[in-house]
Amino acid sequence: MAPWAWALRPELVILTGGNDAPGTGQDAVPARNEAESLLLSLAARTGTHVLGVCRGAQMLALAAGMRLTRVEGHVRVRHALTGPLTGAWRGPAEVASFHHWGVEEASMPEGWDVLARSETGGMEAFASRARRALGILWHPEREPHHLPAVLEYLEAYTP
């Protein structure tokens, strides 16, 4: 572990969207992959909360041993969600989506839960109490009422 990572001791690590996750496209950024993998490792060792947003959720899934799967109709669209996480905010359970890749539910290890699904049934949010981690495949920063609710849910969801 790099000394700077131990010195940071953050209370929350947020992995954001943008670029392609490893193995999913041509917009690869090896230095970013390495830095995010390091942060995920640090968070797992220290019990630090992790919020993975879009690509960040994909990185979280990969770090937990899950597989990514190609999805259609989730780029530059809004779509409805169902599930426990959607009850955390006021207003419509509709999100801004910008991803080509989802998480294969069958690859989810024990201890991880599905917290939101798209109207087609695809997993859109997943979390682990033990890992203090939440992955969401949409952009809550694009909706004023989503981001605070997502952060509150993450804090309340962990042991």
C-alpha atoms as a PDB file:
ATOM      1  CA  MET A   1       0.000   0.000   0.000  1.00  0.00           C
ATOM      2  CA  ALA A   2       1.376   3.401  -0.944  1.00  0.00           C
ATOM      3  CA  PRO A   3       2.285   5.603   2.055  1.00  0.00           C
ATOM      4  CA  TRP A   4       0.104   8.476   0.811  1.00  0.00           C
ATOM      5  CA  ALA A   5      -2.948   6.215   0.823  1.00  0.00           C
ATOM      6  CA  TRP A   6      -2.452   5.258   4.470  1.00  0.00           C
ATOM      7  CA  ALA A   7      -1.910   8.908   5.406  1.00  0.00           C
ATOM      8  CA  LEU A   8      -5.214   9.990   3.862  1.00  0.00           C
ATOM      9  CA  ARG A   9      -7.495   7.844   6.056  1.00  0.00           C
ATOM     10  CA  PRO A  10     -10.687   9.103   4.373  1.00  0.00           C
ATOM     11  CA  GLU A  11     -14.118   8.430   5.833  1.00  0.00           C
ATOM     12  CA  LEU A  12     -15.573   7.946   2.355  1.00  0.00           C
ATOM     13  CA  VAL A  13     -14.084   6.957  -0.979  1.00  0.00           C
ATOM     14  CA  ILE A  14     -16.133   7.946  -4.031  1.00  0.00           C
ATOM     15  CA  LEU A  15     -15.216   6.358  -7.343  1.00  0.00           C
ATOM     16  CA  THR A  16     -16.774   8.378 -10.142  1.00  0.00           C
ATOM     17  CA  GLY A  17     -17.937   7.775 -13.693  1.00  0.00           C
ATOM     18  CA  GLY A  18     -16.081   8.349 -16.943  1.00  0.00           C
ATOM     19  CA  ASN A  19     -13.663   6.207 -18.954  1.00  0.00           C
ATOM     20  CA  ASP A  20     -14.067   2.474 -19.418  1.00  0.00           C
ATOM     21  CA  ALA A  21     -13.582  -0.066 -16.665  1.00  0.00           C
ATOM     22  CA  PRO A  22     -10.851  -2.630 -17.329  1.00  0.00           C
ATOM     23  CA  GLY A  23     -11.798  -5.003 -20.128  1.00  0.00           C
ATOM     24  CA  THR A  24     -14.859  -3.054 -21.287  1.00  0.00           C
ATOM     25  CA  GLY A  25     -13.704  -0.659 -23.968  1.00  0.00           C
ATOM     26  CA  GLN A  26     -11.044   1.378 -25.676  1.00  0.00           C
ATOM     27  CA  ASP A  27     -11.139   4.344 -23.281  1.00  0.00           C
ATOM     28  CA  ALA A  28      -8.870   2.601 -20.778  1.00  0.00           C
ATOM     29  CA  VAL A  29      -6.830   4.576 -18.285  1.00  0.00           C
ATOM     30  CA  PRO A  30      -4.341   2.218 -16.588  1.00  0.00           C
ATOM     31  CA  ALA A  31      -3.161   4.810 -14.041  1.00  0.00           C
ATOM     32  CA  ARG A  32      -6.749   5.454 -12.967  1.00  0.00           C
ATOM     33  CA  ASN A  33      -7.447   1.722 -12.710  1.00  0.00           C
ATOM     34  CA  GLU A  34      -4.395   1.321 -10.493  1.00  0.00           C
ATOM     35  CA  ALA A  35      -5.284   4.283  -8.258  1.00  0.00           C
ATOM     36  CA  GLU A  36      -8.889   3.129  -7.843  1.00  0.00           C
ATOM     37  CA  SER A  37      -7.818  -0.441  -7.137  1.00  0.00           C
ATOM     38  CA  LEU A  38      -5.480   0.904  -4.472  1.00  0.00           C
ATOM     39  CA  LEU A  39      -8.276   2.978  -2.919  1.00  0.00           C
ATOM     40  CA  LEU A  40     -10.637  -0.021  -2.922  1.00  0.00           C
ATOM     41  CA  SER A  41      -7.994  -2.135  -1.226  1.00  0.00           C
ATOM     42  CA  LEU A  42      -7.402   0.575   1.383  1.00  0.00           C
ATOM     43  CA  ALA A  43     -11.139   0.929   2.003  1.00  0.00           C
ATOM     44  CA  ALA A  44     -11.559  -2.836   2.448  1.00  0.00           C
ATOM     45  CA  ARG A  45      -8.671  -2.984   4.920  1.00  0.00           C
ATOM     46  CA  THR A  46      -9.784   0.005   6.977  1.00  0.00           C
ATOM     47  CA  GLY A  47     -13.565  -0.361   6.822  1.00  0.00           C
ATOM     48  CA  THR A  48     -13.912   2.906   4.943  1.00  0.00           C
ATOM     49  CA  HIS A  49     -17.238   3.582   3.207  1.00  0.00           C
ATOM     50  CA  VAL A  50     -17.137   3.293  -0.593  1.00  0.00           C
ATOM     51  CA  LEU A  51     -19.580   4.791  -3.067  1.00  0.00           C
ATOM     52  CA  GLY A  52     -19.059   3.654  -6.647  1.00  0.00           C
ATOM     53  CA  VAL A  53     -20.874   5.731  -9.265  1.00  0.00           C
ATOM     54  CA  CYS A  54     -21.296   4.290 -12.782  1.00  0.00           C
ATOM     55  CA  ARG A  55     -17.731   3.290 -13.756  1.00  0.00           C
ATOM     56  CA  GLY A  56     -16.917   3.416 -10.039  1.00  0.00           C
ATOM     57  CA  ALA A  57     -19.637   0.830  -9.399  1.00  0.00           C
ATOM     58  CA  GLN A  58     -18.130  -1.324 -12.130  1.00  0.00           C
ATOM     59  CA  MET A  59     -14.702  -1.063 -10.447  1.00  0.00           C
ATOM     60  CA  LEU A  60     -16.284  -1.950  -7.098  1.00  0.00           C
ATOM     61  CA  ALA A  61     -17.978  -4.962  -8.677  1.00  0.00           C
ATOM     62  CA  LEU A  62     -14.748  -6.147 -10.303  1.00  0.00           C
ATOM     63  CA  ALA A  63     -12.845  -5.770  -7.021  1.00  0.00           C
ATOM     64  CA  ALA A  64     -15.478  -7.947  -5.310  1.00  0.00           C
ATOM     65  CA  GLY A  65     -15.128 -10.651  -7.971  1.00  0.00           C
ATOM     66  CA  MET A  66     -18.294  -9.846  -9.924  1.00  0.00           C
ATOM     67  CA  ARG A  67     -18.492  -9.921 -13.711  1.00  0.00           C
ATOM     68  CA  LEU A  68     -19.612  -7.111 -15.984  1.00  0.00           C
ATOM     69  CA  THR A  69     -22.091  -7.669 -18.777  1.00  0.00           C
ATOM     70  CA  ARG A  70     -22.993  -5.501 -21.756  1.00  0.00           C
ATOM     71  CA  VAL A  71     -26.366  -3.714 -21.475  1.00  0.00           C
ATOM     72  CA  GLU A  72     -28.361  -1.869 -24.116  1.00  0.00           C
ATOM     73  CA  GLY A  73     -30.436   1.280 -23.809  1.00  0.00           C
ATOM     74  CA  HIS A  74     -28.675   2.803 -20.791  1.00  0.00           C
ATOM     75  CA  VAL A  75     -26.692   5.610 -22.417  1.00  0.00           C
ATOM     76  CA  ARG A  76     -27.954   9.196 -22.346  1.00  0.00           C
ATOM     77  CA  VAL A  77     -31.380   8.110 -21.150  1.00  0.00           C
ATOM     78  CA  ARG A  78     -33.542   8.398 -18.092  1.00  0.00           C
ATOM     79  CA  HIS A  79     -35.172   5.288 -16.752  1.00  0.00           C
ATOM     80  CA  ALA A  80     -37.205   4.213 -13.764  1.00  0.00           C
ATOM     81  CA  LEU A  81     -35.868   2.182 -10.858  1.00  0.00           C
ATOM     82  CA  THR A  82     -37.454  -0.017  -8.219  1.00  0.00           C
ATOM     83  CA  GLY A  83     -36.031  -1.362  -4.986  1.00  0.00           C
ATOM     84  CA  PRO A  84     -35.150  -0.350  -1.432  1.00  0.00           C
ATOM     85  CA  LEU A  85     -32.713   2.379  -2.421  1.00  0.00           C
ATOM     86  CA  THR A  86     -35.293   4.259  -4.475  1.00  0.00           C
ATOM     87  CA  GLY A  87     -37.396   4.848  -1.374  1.00  0.00           C
ATOM     88  CA  ALA A  88     -34.559   6.912   0.100  1.00  0.00           C
ATOM     89  CA  TRP A  89     -35.307  10.016  -1.945  1.00  0.00           C
ATOM     90  CA  ARG A  90     -38.353  12.145  -2.486  1.00  0.00           C
ATOM     91  CA  GLY A  91     -39.596  12.471  -6.009  1.00  0.00           C
ATOM     92  CA  PRO A  92     -39.705  10.078  -8.941  1.00  0.00           C
ATOM     93  CA  ALA A  93     -37.516   6.999  -8.880  1.00  0.00           C
ATOM     94  CA  GLU A  94     -36.043   7.948 -12.225  1.00  0.00           C
ATOM     95  CA  VAL A  95     -32.330   8.293 -12.920  1.00  0.00           C
ATOM     96  CA  ALA A  96     -29.902   9.660 -15.502  1.00  0.00           C
ATOM     97  CA  SER A  97     -28.068   6.725 -17.050  1.00  0.00           C
ATOM     98  CA  PHE A  98     -24.819   6.731 -19.068  1.00  0.00           C
ATOM     99  CA  HIS A  99     -23.438   3.180 -19.007  1.00  0.00           C
ATOM    100  CA  HIS A 100     -22.842   0.381 -21.515  1.00  0.00           C
ATOM    101  CA  TRP A 101     -21.960  -2.176 -18.848  1.00  0.00           C
ATOM    102  CA  GLY A 102     -23.911  -3.641 -15.969  1.00  0.00           C
ATOM    103  CA  VAL A 103     -23.114  -6.160 -13.279  1.00  0.00           C
ATOM    104  CA  GLU A 104     -24.004  -9.810 -13.773  1.00  0.00           C
ATOM    105  CA  GLU A 105     -26.238 -10.629 -10.820  1.00  0.00           C
ATOM    106  CA  ALA A 106     -25.335 -14.320 -10.871  1.00  0.00           C
ATOM    107  CA  SER A 107     -21.717 -13.356 -10.134  1.00  0.00           C
ATOM    108  CA  MET A 108     -22.576 -11.443  -6.953  1.00  0.00           C
ATOM    109  CA  PRO A 109     -20.821 -12.993  -3.943  1.00  0.00           C
ATOM    110  CA  GLU A 110     -22.588 -13.833  -0.709  1.00  0.00           C
ATOM    111  CA  GLY A 111     -23.038 -10.794   1.492  1.00  0.00           C
ATOM    112  CA  TRP A 112     -23.966  -8.444  -1.357  1.00  0.00           C
ATOM    113  CA  ASP A 113     -27.543  -7.246  -1.891  1.00  0.00           C
ATOM    114  CA  VAL A 114     -29.410  -5.832  -4.883  1.00  0.00           C
ATOM    115  CA  LEU A 115     -30.823  -2.432  -3.874  1.00  0.00           C
ATOM    116  CA  ALA A 116     -32.281  -1.175  -7.165  1.00  0.00           C
ATOM    117  CA  ARG A 117     -33.332  -2.546 -10.536  1.00  0.00           C
ATOM    118  CA  SER A 118     -34.185  -0.988 -13.867  1.00  0.00           C
ATOM    119  CA  GLU A 119     -37.630  -1.494 -15.359  1.00  0.00           C
ATOM    120  CA  THR A 120     -36.189  -4.404 -17.372  1.00  0.00           C
ATOM    121  CA  GLY A 121     -35.034  -6.122 -14.168  1.00  0.00           C
ATOM    122  CA  GLY A 122     -31.325  -5.382 -14.516  1.00  0.00           C
ATOM    123  CA  MET A 123     -29.359  -4.685 -11.364  1.00  0.00           C
ATOM    124  CA  GLU A 124     -28.707  -0.936 -10.994  1.00  0.00           C
ATOM    125  CA  ALA A 125     -27.486  -0.765  -7.379  1.00  0.00           C
ATOM    126  CA  PHE A 126     -25.781  -3.261  -5.104  1.00  0.00           C
ATOM    127  CA  ALA A 127     -24.208  -3.098  -1.673  1.00  0.00           C
ATOM    128  CA  SER A 128     -22.354  -4.971   1.037  1.00  0.00           C
ATOM    129  CA  ARG A 129     -22.848  -4.193   4.722  1.00  0.00           C
ATOM    130  CA  ALA A 130     -19.596  -5.918   5.657  1.00  0.00           C
ATOM    131  CA  ARG A 131     -17.577  -4.044   3.009  1.00  0.00           C
ATOM    132  CA  ARG A 132     -19.453  -0.783   3.756  1.00  0.00           C
ATOM    133  CA  ALA A 133     -19.811  -0.359  -0.001  1.00  0.00           C
ATOM    134  CA  LEU A 134     -22.554   0.784  -2.363  1.00  0.00           C
ATOM    135  CA  GLY A 135     -22.383   0.686  -6.152  1.00  0.00           C
ATOM    136  CA  ILE A 136     -24.866   2.579  -8.312  1.00  0.00           C
ATOM    137  CA  LEU A 137     -24.912   2.491 -12.103  1.00  0.00           C
ATOM    138  CA  TRP A 138     -26.417   5.944 -12.582  1.00  0.00           C
ATOM    139  CA  HIS A 139     -25.407   9.522 -11.844  1.00  0.00           C
ATOM    140  CA  PRO A 140     -26.968  10.867  -8.623  1.00  0.00           C
ATOM    141  CA  GLU A 141     -25.085  14.136  -8.985  1.00  0.00           C
ATOM    142  CA  ARG A 142     -27.415  14.958 -11.878  1.00  0.00           C
ATOM    143  CA  GLU A 143     -30.458  14.924  -9.571  1.00  0.00           C
ATOM    144  CA  PRO A 144     -30.459  17.341  -6.621  1.00  0.00           C
ATOM    145  CA  HIS A 145     -32.417  15.026  -4.317  1.00  0.00           C
ATOM    146  CA  HIS A 146     -30.555  11.820  -5.175  1.00  0.00           C
ATOM    147  CA  LEU A 147     -26.994  12.375  -3.972  1.00  0.00           C
ATOM    148  CA  PRO A 148     -27.769  13.324  -0.340  1.00  0.00           C
ATOM    149  CA  ALA A 149     -30.241  10.438  -0.113  1.00  0.00           C
ATOM    150  CA  VAL A 150     -27.723   7.960  -1.574  1.00  0.00           C
ATOM    151  CA  LEU A 151     -25.072   9.063   0.929  1.00  0.00           C
ATOM    152  CA  GLU A 152     -27.539   8.828   3.817  1.00  0.00           C
ATOM    153  CA  TYR A 153     -28.584   5.365   2.674  1.00  0.00           C
ATOM    154  CA  LEU A 154     -24.952   4.233   2.495  1.00  0.00           C
ATOM    155  CA  GLU A 155     -24.283   5.434   6.020  1.00  0.00           C
ATOM    156  CA  ALA A 156     -27.444   3.827   7.428  1.00  0.00           C
ATOM    157  CA  TYR A 157     -26.942   0.580   5.465  1.00  0.00           C
ATOM    158  CA  THR A 158     -23.607  -0.285   7.036  1.00  0.00           C
ATOM    159  CA  PRO A 159     -23.271  -2.066  10.398  1.00  0.00           C
END
